């Protein structure tokens, strides 16, 4: 099993929902996130959150699915990001994490 995580700015949340539906993800959760970038620490992740002292409203999606399903979602997220203009400052961020234990 895999934990699928997708982070999207508020403007792209409907597109993430469509991706999950097209890839037949049967159940997922989402929650609102208010992200900030500090000047003192700049992680090596370009454009995670755009520069703004007021923060960026985003949505965090997560689901536990088999590897095949997660692979399909990641492939479509890559395709979606590739199809966006080069000046798109906030691409979708998607991750797959192995689940080795549960209770």
N, C-alpha and C. Protein backbone atom coordinates (compact mmCIF):
# COMPACT_ATOMS: atom_id res chain seq x y z
N UNK A 1 0.84 -1.18 0.00
CA UNK A 1 0.00 0.00 0.00
C UNK A 1 0.89 1.25 0.00
N UNK A 2 0.31 2.30 -0.55
CA UNK A 2 1.03 3.57 -0.66
C UNK A 2 0.17 4.69 -0.10
N UNK A 3 0.84 5.67 0.49
CA UNK A 3 0.18 6.91 0.89
C UNK A 3 0.42 7.92 -0.21
N UNK A 4 -0.65 8.39 -0.81
CA UNK A 4 -0.60 9.41 -1.86
C UNK A 4 -0.86 10.76 -1.22
N UNK A 5 0.01 11.73 -1.50
CA UNK A 5 -0.14 13.09 -0.99
C UNK A 5 -0.04 14.05 -2.16
N UNK A 6 -1.00 14.95 -2.25
CA UNK A 6 -0.98 15.99 -3.29
C UNK A 6 -1.24 17.33 -2.63
N UNK A 7 -0.40 18.30 -2.94
CA UNK A 7 -0.58 19.66 -2.44
C UNK A 7 -0.84 20.56 -3.63
N UNK A 8 -1.91 21.34 -3.53
CA UNK A 8 -2.32 22.22 -4.62
C UNK A 8 -2.71 23.58 -4.07
N UNK A 9 -2.37 24.63 -4.80
CA UNK A 9 -2.89 25.93 -4.41
C UNK A 9 -4.40 25.91 -4.63
N UNK A 10 -5.08 26.79 -3.96
CA UNK A 10 -6.54 26.82 -3.97
C UNK A 10 -7.13 26.85 -5.38
N UNK A 11 -6.49 27.55 -6.28
CA UNK A 11 -7.01 27.71 -7.65
C UNK A 11 -7.03 26.40 -8.44
N UNK A 12 -6.25 25.41 -8.02
CA UNK A 12 -6.16 24.16 -8.78
C UNK A 12 -6.81 22.97 -8.06
N UNK A 13 -7.53 23.22 -6.98
CA UNK A 13 -8.11 22.09 -6.23
C UNK A 13 -9.13 21.31 -7.05
N UNK A 14 -9.93 22.00 -7.84
CA UNK A 14 -10.91 21.28 -8.67
C UNK A 14 -10.23 20.37 -9.68
N UNK A 15 -9.10 20.80 -10.22
CA UNK A 15 -8.37 19.96 -11.17
C UNK A 15 -7.83 18.70 -10.47
N UNK A 16 -7.36 18.83 -9.24
CA UNK A 16 -6.89 17.66 -8.50
C UNK A 16 -8.05 16.70 -8.28
N UNK A 17 -9.20 17.22 -7.91
CA UNK A 17 -10.38 16.36 -7.73
C UNK A 17 -10.72 15.61 -9.02
N UNK A 18 -10.60 16.28 -10.16
CA UNK A 18 -10.86 15.64 -11.45
C UNK A 18 -9.83 14.54 -11.73
N UNK A 19 -8.57 14.82 -11.43
CA UNK A 19 -7.52 13.81 -11.62
C UNK A 19 -7.83 12.58 -10.78
N UNK A 20 -8.18 12.78 -9.53
CA UNK A 20 -8.48 11.65 -8.64
C UNK A 20 -9.69 10.86 -9.16
N UNK A 21 -10.68 11.55 -9.68
CA UNK A 21 -11.86 10.86 -10.23
C UNK A 21 -11.50 10.10 -11.50
N UNK A 22 -10.73 10.73 -12.40
CA UNK A 22 -10.35 10.06 -13.65
C UNK A 22 -9.52 8.81 -13.38
N UNK A 23 -8.70 8.87 -12.34
CA UNK A 23 -7.82 7.74 -12.03
C UNK A 23 -8.48 6.75 -11.07
N UNK A 24 -9.77 6.95 -10.85
CA UNK A 24 -10.60 6.02 -10.08
C UNK A 24 -10.10 5.80 -8.65
N UNK A 25 -9.69 6.90 -8.00
CA UNK A 25 -9.34 6.82 -6.58
C UNK A 25 -10.67 6.77 -5.83
N UNK A 26 -10.97 5.65 -5.18
CA UNK A 26 -12.31 5.48 -4.61
C UNK A 26 -12.59 6.32 -3.37
N UNK A 27 -11.55 6.66 -2.64
CA UNK A 27 -11.75 7.45 -1.42
C UNK A 27 -10.48 8.24 -1.14
N UNK A 28 -10.66 9.48 -0.74
CA UNK A 28 -9.52 10.33 -0.37
C UNK A 28 -10.02 11.37 0.62
N UNK A 29 -9.08 12.04 1.25
CA UNK A 29 -9.40 13.13 2.17
C UNK A 29 -8.72 14.38 1.68
N UNK A 30 -9.27 15.51 2.06
CA UNK A 30 -8.63 16.78 1.75
C UNK A 30 -8.82 17.72 2.92
N UNK A 31 -7.85 18.60 3.08
CA UNK A 31 -7.91 19.59 4.14
C UNK A 31 -7.26 20.88 3.67
N UNK A 32 -7.74 21.99 4.17
CA UNK A 32 -7.15 23.28 3.80
C UNK A 32 -5.85 23.50 4.55
N UNK A 33 -4.90 24.12 3.86
CA UNK A 33 -3.59 24.41 4.42
C UNK A 33 -3.29 25.87 4.14
N UNK A 34 -2.72 26.55 5.11
CA UNK A 34 -2.29 27.94 4.92
C UNK A 34 -0.77 27.94 5.06
N UNK A 35 -0.08 28.03 3.92
CA UNK A 35 1.38 27.89 3.91
C UNK A 35 2.10 29.23 3.89
N UNK A 36 3.26 29.25 4.50
CA UNK A 36 4.09 30.45 4.56
C UNK A 36 5.52 30.10 4.17
N UNK A 37 6.23 31.05 3.64
CA UNK A 37 7.65 30.91 3.36
C UNK A 37 8.35 31.98 4.19
N UNK A 38 9.36 31.57 4.93
CA UNK A 38 10.12 32.53 5.72
C UNK A 38 11.37 32.92 4.95
N UNK A 39 11.83 34.10 5.18
CA UNK A 39 13.07 34.57 4.54
C UNK A 39 14.29 33.92 5.18
N UNK A 40 14.20 33.56 6.45
CA UNK A 40 15.35 33.00 7.15
C UNK A 40 15.69 31.60 6.66
N UNK A 41 14.71 30.85 6.23
CA UNK A 41 14.95 29.48 5.79
C UNK A 41 14.31 29.28 4.43
N UNK A 42 15.11 28.91 3.47
CA UNK A 42 14.61 28.65 2.12
C UNK A 42 14.88 27.20 1.79
N UNK A 43 13.87 26.33 1.88
CA UNK A 43 14.10 24.92 1.54
C UNK A 43 14.46 24.77 0.07
N UNK A 44 15.10 23.67 -0.24
CA UNK A 44 15.51 23.41 -1.62
C UNK A 44 14.36 22.83 -2.43
N UNK A 45 13.20 23.49 -2.34
CA UNK A 45 12.02 23.10 -3.10
C UNK A 45 11.51 24.38 -3.75
N UNK A 46 11.79 24.55 -5.02
CA UNK A 46 11.41 25.80 -5.67
C UNK A 46 9.91 25.93 -5.76
N UNK A 47 9.44 27.10 -5.47
CA UNK A 47 8.03 27.47 -5.62
C UNK A 47 7.07 26.61 -4.81
N UNK A 48 7.50 26.11 -3.66
CA UNK A 48 6.57 25.36 -2.82
C UNK A 48 5.40 26.27 -2.46
N UNK A 49 5.70 27.45 -1.95
CA UNK A 49 4.70 28.48 -1.74
C UNK A 49 5.25 29.76 -2.34
N UNK A 50 4.43 30.49 -3.03
CA UNK A 50 4.86 31.76 -3.59
C UNK A 50 5.20 32.73 -2.46
N UNK A 51 6.05 33.72 -2.76
CA UNK A 51 6.40 34.70 -1.75
C UNK A 51 5.19 35.53 -1.38
N UNK A 52 4.86 35.53 -0.11
CA UNK A 52 3.75 36.34 0.36
C UNK A 52 3.77 36.37 1.87
N UNK A 53 3.75 37.55 2.42
CA UNK A 53 3.72 37.64 3.87
C UNK A 53 2.36 37.24 4.42
N UNK A 54 1.36 37.17 3.57
CA UNK A 54 0.02 36.83 4.00
C UNK A 54 -0.26 35.34 3.87
N UNK A 55 0.64 34.60 3.29
CA UNK A 55 0.48 33.17 3.15
C UNK A 55 -0.30 32.81 1.89
N UNK A 56 -0.32 31.53 1.62
CA UNK A 56 -0.99 31.00 0.44
C UNK A 56 -1.98 29.94 0.89
N UNK A 57 -3.20 30.04 0.41
CA UNK A 57 -4.20 29.03 0.72
C UNK A 57 -4.04 27.86 -0.25
N UNK A 58 -3.92 26.68 0.32
CA UNK A 58 -3.71 25.47 -0.46
C UNK A 58 -4.61 24.38 0.08
N UNK A 59 -4.64 23.27 -0.66
CA UNK A 59 -5.38 22.10 -0.23
C UNK A 59 -4.44 20.91 -0.25
N UNK A 60 -4.49 20.14 0.82
CA UNK A 60 -3.70 18.92 0.94
C UNK A 60 -4.65 17.74 0.77
N UNK A 61 -4.37 16.91 -0.23
CA UNK A 61 -5.15 15.71 -0.50
C UNK A 61 -4.32 14.51 -0.06
N UNK A 62 -4.97 13.50 0.51
CA UNK A 62 -4.24 12.28 0.82
C UNK A 62 -5.16 11.07 0.74
N UNK A 63 -4.56 9.94 0.39
CA UNK A 63 -5.30 8.70 0.23
C UNK A 63 -4.34 7.53 0.35
N UNK A 64 -4.83 6.41 0.83
CA UNK A 64 -4.05 5.18 0.88
C UNK A 64 -4.61 4.25 -0.19
N UNK A 65 -3.75 3.92 -1.15
CA UNK A 65 -4.17 3.12 -2.31
C UNK A 65 -3.07 2.13 -2.67
N UNK A 66 -3.39 1.23 -3.60
CA UNK A 66 -2.35 0.31 -4.07
C UNK A 66 -1.39 1.07 -5.00
N UNK A 67 -0.24 0.49 -5.23
CA UNK A 67 0.81 1.15 -6.01
C UNK A 67 0.41 1.46 -7.43
N UNK A 68 -0.41 0.62 -8.03
CA UNK A 68 -0.85 0.85 -9.41
C UNK A 68 -1.68 2.13 -9.51
N UNK A 69 -2.62 2.27 -8.60
CA UNK A 69 -3.49 3.45 -8.59
C UNK A 69 -2.66 4.71 -8.34
N UNK A 70 -1.78 4.67 -7.37
CA UNK A 70 -0.94 5.83 -7.06
C UNK A 70 -0.06 6.18 -8.25
N UNK A 71 0.48 5.18 -8.92
CA UNK A 71 1.31 5.42 -10.10
C UNK A 71 0.54 6.15 -11.20
N UNK A 72 -0.71 5.77 -11.41
CA UNK A 72 -1.54 6.44 -12.41
C UNK A 72 -1.75 7.91 -12.05
N UNK A 73 -2.01 8.17 -10.78
CA UNK A 73 -2.24 9.55 -10.34
C UNK A 73 -0.97 10.37 -10.53
N UNK A 74 0.18 9.84 -10.10
CA UNK A 74 1.44 10.57 -10.24
C UNK A 74 1.74 10.87 -11.71
N UNK A 75 1.46 9.92 -12.57
CA UNK A 75 1.68 10.12 -14.01
C UNK A 75 0.81 11.26 -14.53
N UNK A 76 -0.46 11.29 -14.12
CA UNK A 76 -1.33 12.36 -14.59
C UNK A 76 -0.94 13.72 -13.99
N UNK A 77 -0.49 13.74 -12.75
CA UNK A 77 -0.03 15.00 -12.15
C UNK A 77 1.18 15.53 -12.91
N UNK A 78 2.13 14.64 -13.26
CA UNK A 78 3.29 15.08 -14.05
C UNK A 78 2.84 15.66 -15.39
N UNK A 79 1.91 14.98 -16.03
CA UNK A 79 1.39 15.44 -17.32
C UNK A 79 0.70 16.79 -17.17
N UNK A 80 -0.08 16.95 -16.12
CA UNK A 80 -0.76 18.22 -15.87
C UNK A 80 0.26 19.34 -15.69
N UNK A 81 1.28 19.10 -14.86
CA UNK A 81 2.30 20.12 -14.62
C UNK A 81 3.07 20.45 -15.91
N UNK A 82 3.38 19.43 -16.71
CA UNK A 82 4.09 19.66 -17.97
C UNK A 82 3.26 20.49 -18.94
N UNK A 83 1.94 20.40 -18.85
CA UNK A 83 1.06 21.13 -19.75
C UNK A 83 0.80 22.56 -19.33
N UNK A 84 1.29 22.95 -18.16
CA UNK A 84 1.10 24.32 -17.68
C UNK A 84 2.16 25.22 -18.29
N UNK A 85 1.88 26.51 -18.30
CA UNK A 85 2.83 27.47 -18.86
C UNK A 85 4.09 27.53 -17.99
N UNK A 86 5.18 27.94 -18.60
CA UNK A 86 6.46 28.03 -17.88
C UNK A 86 6.43 29.04 -16.75
N UNK A 87 5.52 30.00 -16.79
CA UNK A 87 5.46 31.01 -15.74
C UNK A 87 4.52 30.60 -14.61
N UNK A 88 4.07 29.34 -14.60
CA UNK A 88 3.21 28.84 -13.52
C UNK A 88 4.06 28.70 -12.26
N UNK A 89 3.85 29.59 -11.26
CA UNK A 89 4.71 29.57 -10.08
C UNK A 89 4.37 28.49 -9.06
N UNK A 90 3.23 27.83 -9.19
CA UNK A 90 2.80 26.86 -8.18
C UNK A 90 2.28 25.57 -8.81
N UNK A 91 3.18 24.70 -9.25
CA UNK A 91 2.72 23.42 -9.82
C UNK A 91 2.11 22.55 -8.73
N UNK A 92 1.41 21.52 -9.13
CA UNK A 92 0.94 20.53 -8.17
C UNK A 92 2.15 19.77 -7.63
N UNK A 93 2.10 19.44 -6.36
CA UNK A 93 3.16 18.63 -5.74
C UNK A 93 2.51 17.31 -5.33
N UNK A 94 3.03 16.20 -5.81
CA UNK A 94 2.47 14.90 -5.50
C UNK A 94 3.58 13.96 -5.04
N UNK A 95 3.25 13.14 -4.04
CA UNK A 95 4.24 12.24 -3.44
C UNK A 95 3.60 10.89 -3.16
N UNK A 96 4.44 9.87 -3.20
CA UNK A 96 4.03 8.52 -2.85
C UNK A 96 4.96 8.03 -1.75
N UNK A 97 4.39 7.54 -0.66
CA UNK A 97 5.17 7.02 0.45
C UNK A 97 4.73 5.58 0.73
N UNK A 98 5.69 4.70 0.93
CA UNK A 98 5.37 3.32 1.26
C UNK A 98 4.79 3.25 2.67
N UNK A 99 3.80 2.39 2.82
CA UNK A 99 3.25 2.11 4.14
C UNK A 99 3.74 0.71 4.51
N UNK A 100 4.62 0.65 5.49
CA UNK A 100 5.18 -0.67 5.83
C UNK A 100 4.49 -1.30 7.04
N UNK A 101 3.76 -0.50 7.81
CA UNK A 101 3.04 -1.03 8.95
C UNK A 101 1.77 -0.24 9.18
N UNK A 102 0.79 -0.89 9.74
CA UNK A 102 -0.43 -0.20 10.15
C UNK A 102 -1.01 -0.93 11.34
N UNK A 103 -1.91 -0.29 12.05
CA UNK A 103 -2.54 -0.92 13.22
C UNK A 103 -4.02 -0.59 13.23
